[in-house]
Amino acid sequence: MGVSMDITKILIVDDHLIIQEGIIGLLSEYPEFEVVGTALNGQEAVKLSESLKPNIVIIDIGMPDMDGMVASKQIRKLLPEIKIIVFTMHSDKEYVIDLFKTGISAYVLKQDSTSDLILALKAVQGGGTYFSMLAPTVLLKHIEKLEGSQKNKDGFDNLSRREREVFSLLADGKPIKKIGAQLYISPKTVETHKYNIMQKLNANTMAELTKIGIKRNLITI
């Protein structure tokens, strides 16, 4: 009897059919991913997200009718359980920062290797995050400019030693199961630590944890 596999449902949103077909072809080699739909603009993306209930939406930014940034915000508001991977050619810091605030799970540039998109999918599938090499640098500069000397006001100093270990791995995008294996604790215990960490740091999303991790120099950039 074969081992059952959890299938991650994916919606692809891009106004270029060649990009859609390229991603579909890439994912056809990975049986754990299933493309359940495609959309050419943000309006379609929101509607299909509501009807298809994908686990992950891969979305571009620049599109007609409704751009990917607005669509991502609407999807996150309507269906916060859906994870967003931004796959775009835009590397402007305004895009990165605004989307980061929205609570996206991954930011991959189209000029990156295709393996980066797969790494992002696997990280998000496991409950982690993934950002193009450019994104953490942009975010770090933004955070330093905004917060300056407020470094000690994020609640980090209230974390226990074990919570700091778990936090560092979470902020770096490690999946729950891998954190448990690395620290020799159960995934359930990791989830408990994650809940306590988010309470102490007043964080609501993994993106917010990643932000604190960058600020605390716990993520290598």
N, C-alpha and C. Protein backbone atom coordinates (compact mmCIF):
# COMPACT_ATOMS: atom_id res chain seq x y z
N MET A 1 0.85 -1.19 0.00
CA MET A 1 0.00 0.00 0.00
C MET A 1 0.88 1.24 0.00
N GLY A 2 0.60 2.20 -0.93
CA GLY A 2 1.41 3.40 -1.05
C GLY A 2 1.16 4.35 0.11
N VAL A 3 2.12 5.22 0.35
CA VAL A 3 2.00 6.21 1.40
C VAL A 3 1.15 7.38 0.89
N SER A 4 0.15 7.79 1.64
CA SER A 4 -0.71 8.90 1.23
C SER A 4 0.09 10.19 1.27
N MET A 5 -0.26 11.11 0.38
CA MET A 5 0.46 12.37 0.28
C MET A 5 -0.53 13.52 0.36
N ASP A 6 -0.20 14.49 1.18
CA ASP A 6 -1.03 15.68 1.25
C ASP A 6 -0.80 16.52 0.00
N ILE A 7 -1.87 16.82 -0.71
CA ILE A 7 -1.77 17.60 -1.93
C ILE A 7 -2.03 19.08 -1.62
N THR A 8 -1.14 19.92 -2.10
CA THR A 8 -1.30 21.37 -1.93
C THR A 8 -1.91 21.94 -3.20
N LYS A 9 -3.08 22.56 -3.05
CA LYS A 9 -3.80 23.12 -4.21
C LYS A 9 -3.28 24.53 -4.50
N ILE A 10 -3.02 24.78 -5.77
CA ILE A 10 -2.38 26.04 -6.17
C ILE A 10 -3.20 26.75 -7.24
N LEU A 11 -3.35 28.07 -7.07
CA LEU A 11 -3.96 28.94 -8.08
C LEU A 11 -2.85 29.82 -8.63
N ILE A 12 -2.74 29.86 -9.97
CA ILE A 12 -1.71 30.68 -10.63
C ILE A 12 -2.37 31.91 -11.22
N VAL A 13 -1.82 33.08 -10.90
CA VAL A 13 -2.39 34.35 -11.38
C VAL A 13 -1.30 35.15 -12.10
N ASP A 14 -1.44 35.26 -13.43
CA ASP A 14 -0.48 36.02 -14.22
C ASP A 14 -1.15 36.36 -15.54
N ASP A 15 -0.94 37.58 -16.04
CA ASP A 15 -1.60 37.97 -17.28
C ASP A 15 -0.85 37.52 -18.52
N HIS A 16 0.20 36.75 -18.34
CA HIS A 16 0.93 36.18 -19.47
C HIS A 16 0.74 34.65 -19.46
N LEU A 17 0.10 34.14 -20.51
CA LEU A 17 -0.17 32.70 -20.57
C LEU A 17 1.12 31.89 -20.58
N ILE A 18 2.17 32.43 -21.18
CA ILE A 18 3.43 31.68 -21.24
C ILE A 18 4.01 31.47 -19.84
N ILE A 19 3.79 32.44 -18.95
CA ILE A 19 4.25 32.28 -17.56
C ILE A 19 3.40 31.22 -16.86
N GLN A 20 2.08 31.29 -17.05
CA GLN A 20 1.19 30.29 -16.47
C GLN A 20 1.60 28.88 -16.90
N GLU A 21 1.81 28.72 -18.22
CA GLU A 21 2.16 27.40 -18.76
C GLU A 21 3.52 26.94 -18.24
N GLY A 22 4.44 27.89 -18.08
CA GLY A 22 5.76 27.54 -17.55
C GLY A 22 5.68 27.01 -16.12
N ILE A 23 4.87 27.68 -15.30
CA ILE A 23 4.72 27.24 -13.90
C ILE A 23 4.02 25.88 -13.84
N ILE A 24 2.97 25.73 -14.66
CA ILE A 24 2.25 24.44 -14.70
C ILE A 24 3.20 23.32 -15.10
N GLY A 25 4.04 23.57 -16.12
CA GLY A 25 5.00 22.56 -16.55
C GLY A 25 6.01 22.23 -15.46
N LEU A 26 6.46 23.27 -14.77
CA LEU A 26 7.42 23.07 -13.67
C LEU A 26 6.81 22.23 -12.56
N LEU A 27 5.57 22.55 -12.19
CA LEU A 27 4.93 21.86 -11.06
C LEU A 27 4.47 20.44 -11.42
N SER A 28 4.38 20.14 -12.72
CA SER A 28 3.96 18.80 -13.13
C SER A 28 4.94 17.73 -12.67
N GLU A 29 6.15 18.15 -12.33
CA GLU A 29 7.17 17.21 -11.85
C GLU A 29 7.07 16.96 -10.36
N TYR A 30 6.16 17.65 -9.69
CA TYR A 30 6.03 17.54 -8.24
C TYR A 30 4.60 17.11 -7.88
N PRO A 31 4.40 15.83 -7.62
CA PRO A 31 3.05 15.31 -7.36
C PRO A 31 2.37 15.88 -6.12
N GLU A 32 3.14 16.51 -5.23
CA GLU A 32 2.54 17.09 -4.03
C GLU A 32 1.83 18.41 -4.30
N PHE A 33 2.03 18.95 -5.53
CA PHE A 33 1.38 20.21 -5.90
C PHE A 33 0.36 19.97 -7.01
N GLU A 34 -0.81 20.56 -6.88
CA GLU A 34 -1.86 20.43 -7.89
C GLU A 34 -2.37 21.82 -8.27
N VAL A 35 -2.23 22.17 -9.55
CA VAL A 35 -2.75 23.45 -10.04
C VAL A 35 -4.25 23.29 -10.26
N VAL A 36 -5.04 24.00 -9.46
CA VAL A 36 -6.51 23.85 -9.53
C VAL A 36 -7.16 24.94 -10.37
N GLY A 37 -6.37 25.96 -10.76
CA GLY A 37 -6.96 27.02 -11.58
C GLY A 37 -5.92 28.06 -11.97
N THR A 38 -6.30 28.88 -12.96
CA THR A 38 -5.44 29.98 -13.40
C THR A 38 -6.32 31.22 -13.59
N ALA A 39 -5.70 32.38 -13.44
CA ALA A 39 -6.41 33.65 -13.62
C ALA A 39 -5.49 34.63 -14.33
N LEU A 40 -6.10 35.55 -15.09
CA LEU A 40 -5.34 36.51 -15.88
C LEU A 40 -5.28 37.89 -15.24
N ASN A 41 -6.05 38.09 -14.17
CA ASN A 41 -6.03 39.39 -13.50
C ASN A 41 -6.47 39.23 -12.05
N GLY A 42 -6.39 40.34 -11.32
CA GLY A 42 -6.68 40.29 -9.89
C GLY A 42 -8.12 39.98 -9.56
N GLN A 43 -9.05 40.50 -10.37
CA GLN A 43 -10.47 40.24 -10.11
C GLN A 43 -10.78 38.75 -10.21
N GLU A 44 -10.25 38.12 -11.25
CA GLU A 44 -10.44 36.67 -11.39
C GLU A 44 -9.79 35.93 -10.22
N ALA A 45 -8.65 36.43 -9.79
CA ALA A 45 -7.92 35.78 -8.70
C ALA A 45 -8.76 35.74 -7.43
N VAL A 46 -9.39 36.87 -7.10
CA VAL A 46 -10.22 36.93 -5.89
C VAL A 46 -11.41 35.98 -6.01
N LYS A 47 -12.09 36.00 -7.16
CA LYS A 47 -13.26 35.14 -7.36
C LYS A 47 -12.89 33.66 -7.29
N LEU A 48 -11.78 33.29 -7.97
CA LEU A 48 -11.37 31.89 -7.97
C LEU A 48 -10.85 31.44 -6.61
N SER A 49 -10.26 32.36 -5.88
CA SER A 49 -9.81 32.01 -4.52
C SER A 49 -11.00 31.65 -3.64
N GLU A 50 -12.09 32.39 -3.80
CA GLU A 50 -13.30 32.12 -3.02
C GLU A 50 -13.95 30.81 -3.42
N SER A 51 -13.95 30.51 -4.72
CA SER A 51 -14.65 29.31 -5.19
C SER A 51 -13.79 28.04 -5.11
N LEU A 52 -12.51 28.15 -5.39
CA LEU A 52 -11.64 26.97 -5.44
C LEU A 52 -10.95 26.66 -4.11
N LYS A 53 -10.85 27.69 -3.24
CA LYS A 53 -10.19 27.52 -1.94
C LYS A 53 -8.80 26.87 -2.06
N PRO A 54 -7.91 27.48 -2.86
CA PRO A 54 -6.55 26.92 -2.96
C PRO A 54 -5.80 27.09 -1.65
N ASN A 55 -4.76 26.30 -1.47
CA ASN A 55 -3.89 26.47 -0.30
C ASN A 55 -2.91 27.62 -0.52
N ILE A 56 -2.46 27.74 -1.77
CA ILE A 56 -1.47 28.76 -2.12
C ILE A 56 -1.88 29.46 -3.41
N VAL A 57 -1.71 30.78 -3.44
CA VAL A 57 -1.90 31.55 -4.66
C VAL A 57 -0.55 32.11 -5.08
N ILE A 58 -0.13 31.77 -6.31
CA ILE A 58 1.08 32.36 -6.90
C ILE A 58 0.61 33.51 -7.77
N ILE A 59 1.04 34.72 -7.46
CA ILE A 59 0.46 35.89 -8.13
C ILE A 59 1.52 36.91 -8.54
N ASP A 60 1.30 37.50 -9.73
CA ASP A 60 2.15 38.59 -10.20
C ASP A 60 1.61 39.91 -9.66
N ILE A 61 2.37 40.98 -9.80
CA ILE A 61 1.91 42.29 -9.31
C ILE A 61 1.24 43.09 -10.42
N GLY A 62 1.97 43.31 -11.53
CA GLY A 62 1.44 44.16 -12.59
C GLY A 62 0.48 43.41 -13.50
N MET A 63 -0.83 43.66 -13.33
CA MET A 63 -1.85 43.01 -14.15
C MET A 63 -2.99 43.99 -14.41
N PRO A 64 -3.79 43.76 -15.48
CA PRO A 64 -4.92 44.65 -15.77
C PRO A 64 -6.10 44.40 -14.81
N ASP A 65 -7.05 45.33 -14.84
CA ASP A 65 -8.31 45.25 -14.07
C ASP A 65 -8.09 45.41 -12.56
N MET A 66 -7.27 44.57 -11.98
CA MET A 66 -6.91 44.71 -10.57
C MET A 66 -5.52 44.14 -10.40
N ASP A 67 -4.59 44.96 -9.90
CA ASP A 67 -3.22 44.47 -9.81
C ASP A 67 -3.06 43.46 -8.68
N GLY A 68 -1.92 42.78 -8.69
CA GLY A 68 -1.69 41.72 -7.73
C GLY A 68 -1.61 42.17 -6.30
N MET A 69 -1.19 43.42 -6.08
CA MET A 69 -1.09 43.92 -4.72
C MET A 69 -2.47 44.07 -4.10
N VAL A 70 -3.39 44.69 -4.86
CA VAL A 70 -4.76 44.86 -4.37
C VAL A 70 -5.43 43.50 -4.20
N ALA A 71 -5.22 42.62 -5.18
CA ALA A 71 -5.83 41.28 -5.11
C ALA A 71 -5.31 40.51 -3.90
N SER A 72 -4.01 40.61 -3.63
CA SER A 72 -3.43 39.91 -2.48
C SER A 72 -4.06 40.39 -1.18
N LYS A 73 -4.25 41.69 -1.07
CA LYS A 73 -4.86 42.26 0.13
C LYS A 73 -6.29 41.76 0.30
N GLN A 74 -7.04 41.70 -0.81
CA GLN A 74 -8.43 41.24 -0.73
C GLN A 74 -8.51 39.76 -0.38
N ILE A 75 -7.63 38.97 -0.98
CA ILE A 75 -7.62 37.53 -0.69
C ILE A 75 -7.27 37.29 0.77
N ARG A 76 -6.26 38.01 1.26
CA ARG A 76 -5.85 37.86 2.66
C ARG A 76 -6.97 38.27 3.62
N LYS A 77 -7.75 39.28 3.22
CA LYS A 77 -8.84 39.76 4.07
C LYS A 77 -10.00 38.77 4.07
N LEU A 78 -10.34 38.25 2.89
CA LEU A 78 -11.48 37.34 2.76
C LEU A 78 -11.13 35.93 3.23
N LEU A 79 -9.92 35.49 2.90
CA LEU A 79 -9.52 34.10 3.18
C LEU A 79 -8.10 34.09 3.75
N PRO A 80 -7.95 34.47 5.01
CA PRO A 80 -6.61 34.58 5.60
C PRO A 80 -5.84 33.27 5.67
N GLU A 81 -6.54 32.15 5.52
CA GLU A 81 -5.84 30.86 5.56
C GLU A 81 -5.07 30.58 4.27
N ILE A 82 -5.40 31.29 3.19
CA ILE A 82 -4.70 31.11 1.93
C ILE A 82 -3.35 31.82 1.99
N LYS A 83 -2.31 31.11 1.57
CA LYS A 83 -0.96 31.67 1.56
C LYS A 83 -0.68 32.31 0.19
N ILE A 84 0.00 33.44 0.22
CA ILE A 84 0.30 34.17 -1.01
C ILE A 84 1.79 34.12 -1.32
N ILE A 85 2.11 33.69 -2.55
CA ILE A 85 3.48 33.77 -3.06
C ILE A 85 3.47 34.78 -4.20
N VAL A 86 4.18 35.88 -4.03
CA VAL A 86 4.30 36.87 -5.09
C VAL A 86 5.44 36.44 -6.02
N PHE A 87 5.13 36.32 -7.31
CA PHE A 87 6.11 35.90 -8.32
C PHE A 87 6.13 36.99 -9.38
N THR A 88 7.14 37.83 -9.35
CA THR A 88 7.09 39.05 -10.14
C THR A 88 8.47 39.48 -10.62
N MET A 89 8.47 40.40 -11.58
CA MET A 89 9.73 41.00 -12.04
C MET A 89 10.03 42.28 -11.28
N HIS A 90 9.06 42.77 -10.47
CA HIS A 90 9.21 44.03 -9.76
C HIS A 90 10.01 43.85 -8.47
N SER A 91 11.10 44.60 -8.36
CA SER A 91 11.94 44.51 -7.16
C SER A 91 11.99 45.84 -6.41
N ASP A 92 11.15 46.80 -6.80
CA ASP A 92 11.13 48.10 -6.13
C ASP A 92 10.81 47.93 -4.65
N LYS A 93 11.47 48.70 -3.80
CA LYS A 93 11.29 48.52 -2.36
C LYS A 93 9.86 48.80 -1.92
N GLU A 94 9.15 49.69 -2.65
CA GLU A 94 7.77 49.99 -2.27
C GLU A 94 6.90 48.75 -2.39
N TYR A 95 7.12 47.98 -3.46
CA TYR A 95 6.35 46.75 -3.64
C TYR A 95 6.65 45.76 -2.52
N VAL A 96 7.94 45.56 -2.26
CA VAL A 96 8.34 44.58 -1.24
C VAL A 96 7.76 44.96 0.12
N ILE A 97 7.90 46.22 0.50
CA ILE A 97 7.45 46.66 1.82
C ILE A 97 5.93 46.58 1.96
N ASP A 98 5.20 47.08 0.95
CA ASP A 98 3.74 47.06 1.01
C ASP A 98 3.19 45.64 1.06
N LEU A 99 3.78 44.75 0.27
CA LEU A 99 3.31 43.36 0.27
C LEU A 99 3.69 42.66 1.56
N PHE A 100 4.84 42.98 2.10
CA PHE A 100 5.27 42.41 3.37
C PHE A 100 4.26 42.76 4.46
N LYS A 101 3.80 44.01 4.46
CA LYS A 101 2.81 44.44 5.45
C LYS A 101 1.49 43.69 5.26
N THR A 102 1.20 43.30 4.04
CA THR A 102 -0.04 42.58 3.74
C THR A 102 -0.05 41.19 4.38
N GLY A 103 1.13 40.63 4.59
CA GLY A 103 1.21 39.30 5.19
C GLY A 103 1.44 38.19 4.20
N ILE A 104 2.11 38.52 3.08
CA ILE A 104 2.42 37.46 2.12
C ILE A 104 3.42 36.48 2.73
N SER A 105 3.45 35.27 2.16
CA SER A 105 4.34 34.24 2.70
C SER A 105 5.65 34.11 1.94
N ALA A 106 5.68 34.58 0.69
CA ALA A 106 6.90 34.46 -0.10
C ALA A 106 6.93 35.52 -1.19
N TYR A 107 8.15 35.92 -1.56
CA TYR A 107 8.37 36.93 -2.60
C TYR A 107 9.51 36.42 -3.47
N VAL A 108 9.19 36.04 -4.70
CA VAL A 108 10.18 35.47 -5.61
C VAL A 108 10.22 36.30 -6.89
N LEU A 109 11.41 36.64 -7.34
CA LEU A 109 11.56 37.40 -8.57
C LEU A 109 11.62 36.46 -9.77
N LYS A 110 11.03 36.88 -10.88
CA LYS A 110 11.01 36.04 -12.08
C LYS A 110 12.41 35.83 -12.64
N GLN A 111 13.33 36.74 -12.31
CA GLN A 111 14.70 36.56 -12.77
C GLN A 111 15.49 35.59 -11.90
N ASP A 112 14.89 35.16 -10.79
CA ASP A 112 15.53 34.14 -9.96
C ASP A 112 15.46 32.79 -10.67
N SER A 113 16.18 31.82 -10.15
CA SER A 113 16.12 30.47 -10.70
C SER A 113 14.75 29.85 -10.44
N THR A 114 14.32 28.94 -11.33
CA THR A 114 13.05 28.26 -11.11
C THR A 114 13.07 27.46 -9.81
N SER A 115 14.27 27.08 -9.38
CA SER A 115 14.37 26.34 -8.12
C SER A 115 13.95 27.20 -6.94
N ASP A 116 14.07 28.53 -7.09
CA ASP A 116 13.64 29.43 -6.01
C ASP A 116 12.13 29.36 -5.81
N LEU A 117 11.39 29.23 -6.91
CA LEU A 117 9.93 29.13 -6.80
C LEU A 117 9.55 27.83 -6.11
N ILE A 118 10.24 26.74 -6.44
CA ILE A 118 9.97 25.46 -5.79
C ILE A 118 10.34 25.53 -4.31
N LEU A 119 11.47 26.15 -4.00
CA LEU A 119 11.87 26.31 -2.59
C LEU A 119 10.83 27.13 -1.83
N ALA A 120 10.31 28.16 -2.49
CA ALA A 120 9.28 28.99 -1.86
C ALA A 120 8.02 28.18 -1.60
N LEU A 121 7.60 27.40 -2.57
CA LEU A 121 6.40 26.57 -2.43
C LEU A 121 6.57 25.56 -1.30
N LYS A 122 7.71 24.92 -1.24
CA LYS A 122 7.94 23.92 -0.20
C LYS A 122 7.99 24.57 1.18
N ALA A 123 8.60 25.76 1.26
CA ALA A 123 8.67 26.46 2.54
C ALA A 123 7.27 26.85 3.01
N VAL A 124 6.49 27.42 2.11
CA VAL A 124 5.13 27.86 2.45
C VAL A 124 4.24 26.66 2.75
N GLN A 125 4.41 25.59 1.98
CA GLN A 125 3.65 24.36 2.21
C GLN A 125 3.87 23.83 3.63
N GLY A 126 5.09 24.01 4.13
CA GLY A 126 5.42 23.53 5.47
C GLY A 126 5.16 24.54 6.57
N GLY A 127 4.53 25.67 6.22
CA GLY A 127 4.20 26.67 7.22
C GLY A 127 5.26 27.75 7.40
N GLY A 128 6.25 27.76 6.51
CA GLY A 128 7.33 28.74 6.61
C GLY A 128 7.16 29.90 5.64
N THR A 129 8.24 30.66 5.46
CA THR A 129 8.24 31.79 4.54
C THR A 129 9.47 31.72 3.65
N TYR A 130 9.44 32.47 2.55
CA TYR A 130 10.58 32.49 1.65
C TYR A 130 10.61 33.84 0.94
N PHE A 131 11.76 34.49 0.95
CA PHE A 131 11.88 35.77 0.26
C PHE A 131 13.11 35.77 -0.63
N SER A 132 12.95 36.34 -1.82
CA SER A 132 14.08 36.51 -2.73
C SER A 132 15.23 37.16 -1.98
N MET A 133 16.45 36.90 -2.41
CA MET A 133 17.62 37.43 -1.73
C MET A 133 17.57 38.95 -1.59
N LEU A 134 16.88 39.60 -2.52
CA LEU A 134 16.79 41.06 -2.48
C LEU A 134 15.92 41.54 -1.33
N ALA A 135 14.82 40.83 -1.08
CA ALA A 135 13.79 41.32 -0.16
C ALA A 135 14.30 41.58 1.26
N PRO A 136 15.02 40.67 1.90
CA PRO A 136 15.46 40.94 3.28
C PRO A 136 16.32 42.19 3.39
N THR A 137 17.17 42.46 2.38
CA THR A 137 18.02 43.65 2.43
C THR A 137 17.18 44.91 2.38
N VAL A 138 16.19 44.93 1.48
CA VAL A 138 15.29 46.07 1.36
C VAL A 138 14.52 46.27 2.66
N LEU A 139 14.01 45.19 3.21
CA LEU A 139 13.22 45.28 4.44
C LEU A 139 14.06 45.72 5.62
N LEU A 140 15.29 45.24 5.69
CA LEU A 140 16.16 45.62 6.80
C LEU A 140 16.40 47.12 6.81
N LYS A 141 16.69 47.68 5.63
CA LYS A 141 16.93 49.12 5.54
C LYS A 141 15.68 49.90 5.94
N HIS A 142 14.52 49.39 5.51
CA HIS A 142 13.25 50.06 5.83
C HIS A 142 12.99 50.02 7.34
N ILE A 143 13.23 48.87 7.94
CA ILE A 143 12.99 48.70 9.38
C ILE A 143 13.93 49.59 10.18
N GLU A 144 15.20 49.63 9.79
CA GLU A 144 16.16 50.47 10.51
C GLU A 144 15.76 51.94 10.43
N LYS A 145 15.26 52.35 9.27
CA LYS A 145 14.86 53.75 9.09
C LYS A 145 13.64 54.08 9.94
N LEU A 146 12.67 53.15 9.98
CA LEU A 146 11.42 53.41 10.70
C LEU A 146 11.58 53.31 12.22
N GLU A 147 12.34 52.34 12.66
CA GLU A 147 12.32 52.01 14.08
C GLU A 147 13.56 52.43 14.85
N GLY A 148 14.66 52.58 14.17
CA GLY A 148 15.87 53.10 14.80
C GLY A 148 16.15 52.48 16.15
N SER A 149 16.07 53.29 17.19
CA SER A 149 16.45 52.86 18.54
C SER A 149 15.36 52.10 19.27
N GLN A 150 14.25 51.79 18.59
CA GLN A 150 13.14 51.11 19.26
C GLN A 150 13.32 49.59 19.28
N LYS A 151 14.51 49.13 19.05
CA LYS A 151 14.80 47.70 18.93
C LYS A 151 14.33 46.88 20.12
N ASN A 152 14.40 47.45 21.31
CA ASN A 152 14.07 46.70 22.51
C ASN A 152 12.58 46.71 22.86
N LYS A 153 11.76 47.33 22.00
CA LYS A 153 10.35 47.46 22.31
C LYS A 153 9.48 46.40 21.63
N ASP A 154 10.10 45.39 21.00
CA ASP A 154 9.31 44.39 20.29
C ASP A 154 8.95 43.18 21.15
N GLY A 155 9.38 43.16 22.41
CA GLY A 155 9.04 42.05 23.29
C GLY A 155 9.99 40.89 23.24
N PHE A 156 11.02 40.97 22.39
CA PHE A 156 11.95 39.86 22.21
C PHE A 156 12.63 39.47 23.51
N ASP A 157 12.95 40.46 24.33
CA ASP A 157 13.66 40.19 25.59
C ASP A 157 12.82 39.37 26.57
N ASN A 158 11.52 39.26 26.31
CA ASN A 158 10.64 38.48 27.19
C ASN A 158 10.61 37.00 26.85
N LEU A 159 11.25 36.63 25.73
CA LEU A 159 11.23 35.23 25.30
C LEU A 159 12.21 34.40 26.13
N SER A 160 11.81 33.14 26.39
CA SER A 160 12.72 32.22 27.07
C SER A 160 13.79 31.75 26.09
N ARG A 161 14.80 31.04 26.60
CA ARG A 161 15.87 30.54 25.73
C ARG A 161 15.32 29.64 24.63
N ARG A 162 14.44 28.70 25.01
CA ARG A 162 13.86 27.79 24.03
C ARG A 162 12.99 28.54 23.03
N GLU A 163 12.24 29.52 23.51
CA GLU A 163 11.39 30.31 22.62
C GLU A 163 12.24 31.09 21.61
N ARG A 164 13.39 31.55 22.04
CA ARG A 164 14.28 32.27 21.12
C ARG A 164 14.82 31.33 20.05
N GLU A 165 15.13 30.08 20.45
CA GLU A 165 15.60 29.10 19.47
C GLU A 165 14.52 28.83 18.43
N VAL A 166 13.30 28.60 18.90
CA VAL A 166 12.18 28.33 17.99
C VAL A 166 11.89 29.55 17.13
N PHE A 167 11.90 30.73 17.76
CA PHE A 167 11.63 31.97 17.02
C PHE A 167 12.63 32.17 15.89
N SER A 168 13.90 31.95 16.16
CA SER A 168 14.94 32.14 15.15
C SER A 168 14.69 31.26 13.94
N LEU A 169 14.30 30.01 14.18
CA LEU A 169 14.05 29.06 13.08
C LEU A 169 12.76 29.40 12.34
N LEU A 170 11.73 29.81 13.09
CA LEU A 170 10.47 30.22 12.46
C LEU A 170 10.69 31.44 11.56
N ALA A 171 11.39 32.43 12.09
CA ALA A 171 11.62 33.67 11.35
C ALA A 171 12.45 33.43 10.10
N ASP A 172 13.26 32.36 10.13
CA ASP A 172 14.09 32.03 8.97
C ASP A 172 13.34 31.16 7.97
N GLY A 173 12.05 30.93 8.23
CA GLY A 173 11.23 30.21 7.27
C GLY A 173 11.23 28.70 7.40
N LYS A 174 11.76 28.16 8.49
CA LYS A 174 11.81 26.71 8.66
C LYS A 174 10.41 26.15 8.97
N PRO A 175 10.02 25.04 8.34
CA PRO A 175 8.73 24.41 8.64
C PRO A 175 8.68 23.85 10.06
N ILE A 176 7.47 23.73 10.58
CA ILE A 176 7.25 23.25 11.95
C ILE A 176 7.92 21.89 12.19
N LYS A 177 7.71 20.95 11.26
CA LYS A 177 8.26 19.60 11.44
C LYS A 177 9.79 19.60 11.51
N LYS A 178 10.41 20.42 10.67
CA LYS A 178 11.88 20.47 10.66
C LYS A 178 12.42 21.12 11.93
N ILE A 179 11.70 22.11 12.43
CA ILE A 179 12.12 22.74 13.69
C ILE A 179 12.07 21.72 14.82
N GLY A 180 10.98 20.94 14.85
CA GLY A 180 10.83 19.91 15.88
C GLY A 180 11.96 18.90 15.82
N ALA A 181 12.29 18.46 14.59
CA ALA A 181 13.36 17.47 14.43
C ALA A 181 14.71 18.05 14.85
N GLN A 182 14.95 19.31 14.50
CA GLN A 182 16.23 19.94 14.82
C GLN A 182 16.41 20.16 16.31
N LEU A 183 15.31 20.47 17.00
CA LEU A 183 15.39 20.75 18.44
C LEU A 183 14.99 19.54 19.30
N TYR A 184 14.67 18.43 18.64
CA TYR A 184 14.29 17.19 19.34
C TYR A 184 13.04 17.40 20.21
N ILE A 185 12.06 18.09 19.64
CA ILE A 185 10.77 18.26 20.30
C ILE A 185 9.67 17.96 19.29
N SER A 186 8.47 17.71 19.77
CA SER A 186 7.37 17.35 18.88
C SER A 186 6.85 18.57 18.13
N PRO A 187 6.24 18.36 16.94
CA PRO A 187 5.62 19.48 16.22
C PRO A 187 4.57 20.21 17.06
N LYS A 188 3.87 19.46 17.90
CA LYS A 188 2.86 20.08 18.76
C LYS A 188 3.51 21.05 19.74
N THR A 189 4.67 20.65 20.29
CA THR A 189 5.40 21.53 21.20
C THR A 189 5.88 22.78 20.48
N VAL A 190 6.34 22.59 19.23
CA VAL A 190 6.76 23.74 18.42
C VAL A 190 5.59 24.70 18.22
N GLU A 191 4.40 24.14 17.92
CA GLU A 191 3.21 24.98 17.74
C GLU A 191 2.89 25.76 19.01
N THR A 192 3.05 25.11 20.17
CA THR A 192 2.80 25.80 21.44
C THR A 192 3.77 26.95 21.64
N HIS A 193 5.06 26.68 21.35
CA HIS A 193 6.06 27.75 21.45
C HIS A 193 5.74 28.88 20.48
N LYS A 194 5.32 28.51 19.27
CA LYS A 194 4.98 29.51 18.25
C LYS A 194 3.85 30.41 18.75
N TYR A 195 2.83 29.80 19.34
CA TYR A 195 1.70 30.58 19.86
C TYR A 195 2.17 31.55 20.95
N ASN A 196 2.97 31.03 21.88
CA ASN A 196 3.47 31.87 22.98
C ASN A 196 4.36 33.00 22.47
N ILE A 197 5.18 32.68 21.48
CA ILE A 197 6.07 33.69 20.90
C ILE A 197 5.26 34.82 20.26
N MET A 198 4.24 34.44 19.48
CA MET A 198 3.44 35.44 18.79
C MET A 198 2.66 36.30 19.79
N GLN A 199 2.26 35.69 20.89
CA GLN A 199 1.57 36.46 21.94
C GLN A 199 2.53 37.47 22.57
N LYS A 200 3.73 37.02 22.92
CA LYS A 200 4.69 37.89 23.59
C LYS A 200 5.20 39.01 22.68
N LEU A 201 5.30 38.71 21.37
CA LEU A 201 5.81 39.71 20.43
C LEU A 201 4.69 40.52 19.79
N ASN A 202 3.45 40.18 20.17
CA ASN A 202 2.28 40.88 19.60
C ASN A 202 2.30 40.79 18.08
N ALA A 203 2.60 39.59 17.57
CA ALA A 203 2.65 39.36 16.12
C ALA A 203 1.46 38.52 15.70
N ASN A 204 0.87 38.86 14.56
CA ASN A 204 -0.30 38.14 14.07
C ASN A 204 0.00 37.26 12.87
N THR A 205 1.12 37.49 12.20
CA THR A 205 1.46 36.72 11.00
C THR A 205 2.92 36.30 11.03
N MET A 206 3.24 35.30 10.18
CA MET A 206 4.63 34.87 10.06
C MET A 206 5.48 35.99 9.48
N ALA A 207 4.87 36.82 8.63
CA ALA A 207 5.62 37.94 8.05
C ALA A 207 6.10 38.90 9.14
N GLU A 208 5.27 39.11 10.16
CA GLU A 208 5.65 39.99 11.26
C GLU A 208 6.79 39.37 12.07
N LEU A 209 6.75 38.05 12.25
CA LEU A 209 7.86 37.38 12.94
C LEU A 209 9.15 37.51 12.14
N THR A 210 9.03 37.35 10.81
CA THR A 210 10.20 37.48 9.95
C THR A 210 10.79 38.89 10.05
N LYS A 211 9.90 39.87 10.12
CA LYS A 211 10.34 41.27 10.25
C LYS A 211 11.19 41.46 11.51
N ILE A 212 10.70 40.90 12.63
CA ILE A 212 11.45 41.02 13.89
C ILE A 212 12.77 40.25 13.79
N GLY A 213 12.73 39.09 13.11
CA GLY A 213 13.95 38.30 12.94
C GLY A 213 15.01 39.05 12.16
N ILE A 214 14.58 39.77 11.11
CA ILE A 214 15.52 40.57 10.33
C ILE A 214 16.10 41.68 11.18
N LYS A 215 15.22 42.35 11.92
CA LYS A 215 15.65 43.46 12.77
C LYS A 215 16.64 43.00 13.83
N ARG A 216 16.43 41.78 14.32
CA ARG A 216 17.30 41.24 15.39
C ARG A 216 18.52 40.53 14.83
N ASN A 217 18.71 40.62 13.50
CA ASN A 217 19.85 39.97 12.83
C ASN A 217 19.88 38.46 13.06
N LEU A 218 18.68 37.85 13.16
CA LEU A 218 18.60 36.40 13.33
C LEU A 218 18.48 35.67 12.00
N ILE A 219 18.32 36.45 10.92
CA ILE A 219 18.20 35.88 9.58
C ILE A 219 19.39 36.34 8.78
N THR A 220 20.07 35.39 8.14
CA THR A 220 21.23 35.72 7.33
C THR A 220 20.79 36.32 6.01
N ILE A 221 21.29 37.49 5.70
CA ILE A 221 20.92 38.15 4.44
C ILE A 221 22.17 38.53 3.66
